[in-house]
Protein backbone atom coordinates (compact mmCIF):
# COMPACT_ATOMS: atom_id res chain seq x y z
CA MET A 1 150.14 175.72 77.10
CA LEU A 2 149.05 175.49 73.49
CA PHE A 3 146.34 177.96 72.43
CA VAL A 4 144.54 176.61 69.38
CA ASP A 5 142.36 178.80 67.17
CA ALA A 6 139.53 177.46 65.05
CA SER A 7 141.61 177.37 61.84
CA ALA A 8 143.83 174.78 63.51
CA LEU A 9 141.21 173.01 65.57
CA VAL A 10 139.11 172.09 62.52
CA LYS A 11 142.14 170.27 61.08
CA LEU A 12 142.00 167.82 63.98
CA TYR A 13 138.62 166.60 62.79
CA VAL A 14 138.75 167.09 59.02
CA SER A 15 141.77 165.85 57.12
CA GLU A 16 143.34 168.72 55.23
CA PRO A 17 146.79 170.27 54.79
CA GLY A 18 148.19 170.95 58.24
CA SER A 19 146.25 168.20 60.04
CA GLU A 20 149.48 166.33 60.90
CA VAL A 21 151.00 169.53 62.31
CA VAL A 22 147.98 169.94 64.61
CA GLU A 23 148.11 166.34 65.79
CA ARG A 24 151.84 166.58 66.57
CA ALA A 25 151.46 169.89 68.38
CA LEU A 26 148.59 168.60 70.48
CA ASP A 27 150.51 165.44 71.32
CA CYS A 28 153.40 167.55 72.63
CA ALA A 29 151.28 170.06 74.56
CA ASP A 30 151.04 169.95 78.33
CA SER A 31 147.63 171.59 78.14
CA VAL A 32 145.36 173.13 75.53
CA ALA A 33 143.33 176.32 75.60
CA VAL A 34 140.74 177.63 73.18
CA CYS A 35 138.53 180.68 72.95
CA TRP A 36 134.81 180.14 73.49
CA LEU A 37 134.26 181.50 69.96
CA SER A 38 136.01 178.44 68.46
CA TYR A 39 133.02 176.30 69.40
CA ALA A 40 130.77 178.17 66.97
CA GLU A 41 133.49 178.58 64.33
CA CYS A 42 134.33 174.86 64.28
CA LEU A 43 130.71 173.67 64.21
CA ALA A 44 129.99 176.10 61.40
CA ALA A 45 132.96 174.75 59.42
CA PHE A 46 131.84 171.14 59.92
CA HIS A 47 128.28 171.87 58.82
CA ARG A 48 129.50 173.89 55.84
CA ARG A 49 131.45 170.85 54.69
CA ALA A 50 128.38 168.67 55.05
CA ARG A 51 126.31 171.15 53.02
CA ASP A 52 128.92 171.18 50.24
CA LYS A 53 128.93 167.37 50.34
CA SER A 54 132.58 166.99 51.36
CA LEU A 55 131.27 165.21 54.48
CA THR A 56 128.44 162.69 54.65
CA ALA A 57 125.75 163.00 57.30
CA ASN A 58 127.29 160.07 59.21
CA GLU A 59 130.76 161.66 59.07
CA LEU A 60 129.34 164.95 60.29
CA ASP A 61 127.58 163.26 63.21
CA ALA A 62 130.76 161.44 64.22
CA ILE A 63 132.87 164.60 63.96
CA VAL A 64 130.42 166.67 65.99
CA GLU A 65 130.19 163.99 68.66
CA ARG A 66 133.99 163.72 68.95
CA PHE A 67 134.37 167.51 68.91
CA ASN A 68 131.84 167.90 71.74
CA GLN A 69 133.60 165.24 73.80
CA ASP A 70 137.00 166.85 73.23
CA TRP A 71 135.62 170.30 74.03
CA GLN A 72 135.02 169.15 77.61
CA LYS A 73 138.76 168.44 78.00
CA VAL A 74 140.23 171.80 76.96
CA ASN A 75 140.65 175.05 78.86
CA VAL A 76 138.06 177.44 77.44
CA VAL A 77 138.65 181.19 77.74
CA LEU A 78 135.23 182.51 78.71
CA GLU A 79 136.06 185.84 80.33
CA THR A 80 134.30 188.02 77.74
CA ALA A 81 134.29 191.14 79.95
CA ALA A 82 138.02 190.73 80.59
CA LEU A 83 138.64 190.56 76.84
CA GLU A 84 136.89 193.84 76.05
CA PRO A 85 139.84 196.15 76.82
CA LEU A 86 142.19 193.87 74.88
CA ILE A 87 139.79 193.80 71.93
CA SER A 88 139.48 197.58 71.97
CA ALA A 89 143.25 198.01 71.95
CA LEU A 90 143.82 195.34 69.30
CA VAL A 91 141.39 196.75 66.76
CA ALA A 92 143.01 200.16 67.15
CA ARG A 93 146.45 198.84 66.18
CA GLN A 94 145.84 195.66 64.15
CA PRO A 95 143.79 195.22 60.94
CA LEU A 96 141.96 192.09 62.13
CA ARG A 97 138.46 190.77 61.48
CA GLY A 98 136.17 190.57 64.49
CA ALA A 99 136.48 186.84 65.16
CA ASP A 100 140.26 186.94 64.79
CA THR A 101 140.40 189.84 67.22
CA VAL A 102 138.50 187.80 69.83
CA GLN A 103 140.82 184.82 69.29
CA LEU A 104 143.95 186.92 69.67
CA ALA A 105 142.51 188.74 72.68
CA ALA A 106 141.83 185.42 74.38
CA ALA A 107 145.44 184.31 73.87
CA LEU A 108 146.78 187.66 75.09
CA HIS A 109 144.47 187.44 78.13
CA LEU A 110 146.07 184.14 79.11
CA ARG A 111 149.54 185.57 78.63
CA ALA A 112 148.64 188.64 80.72
CA ASN A 113 147.62 186.26 83.49
CA GLY A 114 151.00 184.58 83.55
CA VAL A 115 150.33 181.67 81.24
CA SER A 116 153.24 180.73 78.97
CA LEU A 117 151.75 179.73 75.65
CA GLU A 118 152.19 179.15 71.95
CA LEU A 119 149.46 179.90 69.42
CA LEU A 120 148.64 177.18 66.89
CA CYS A 121 147.03 178.91 63.92
CA PHE A 122 146.64 178.46 60.16
CA ASP A 123 145.19 181.90 59.47
CA HIS A 124 148.33 183.65 58.24
CA LYS A 125 147.05 187.18 58.90
CA LEU A 126 146.14 186.25 62.48
CA ALA A 127 149.47 184.48 62.94
CA ASN A 128 151.38 187.55 61.75
CA MET A 129 149.41 189.85 64.07
CA ALA A 130 149.99 187.45 67.00
CA ARG A 131 153.73 187.60 66.31
CA GLU A 132 153.58 191.40 66.27
CA GLU A 133 151.89 191.17 69.69
CA GLY A 134 154.82 189.07 70.93
CA LEU A 135 153.27 185.60 70.88
CA ALA A 136 155.08 182.48 69.71
CA VAL A 137 153.16 181.00 66.80
CA ILE A 138 153.09 177.53 65.26
CA GLU A 139 151.71 177.27 61.70
């Protein structure tokens, strides 16, 4: 399974460095998982680009529509209560921001439940912390 954080997921919809890596990784993946938080993070990133005029209103509408359609096809980690102990332990040993902690906890939750996965991530700090936690990371 490929676990994709928001830093990678955005690249599927907005062309930027790393977009080709994301497309190739998704093409090779048997299945894809995301954290529920990525929904808000991706939409915020798309709208931020529209506000700074790097996307037109029509481009934004098309991206949001495609993103919402694709969201229905991925495995979304929703078990917020199950993530709480992982989050608590992570913040005690890793210097992560809140959203990154939730993303990493979601990936670790899947691994703890027997899912073999790789993390696709372009946030270098998060990627390094994921490696320290024993996850395979694609950047």
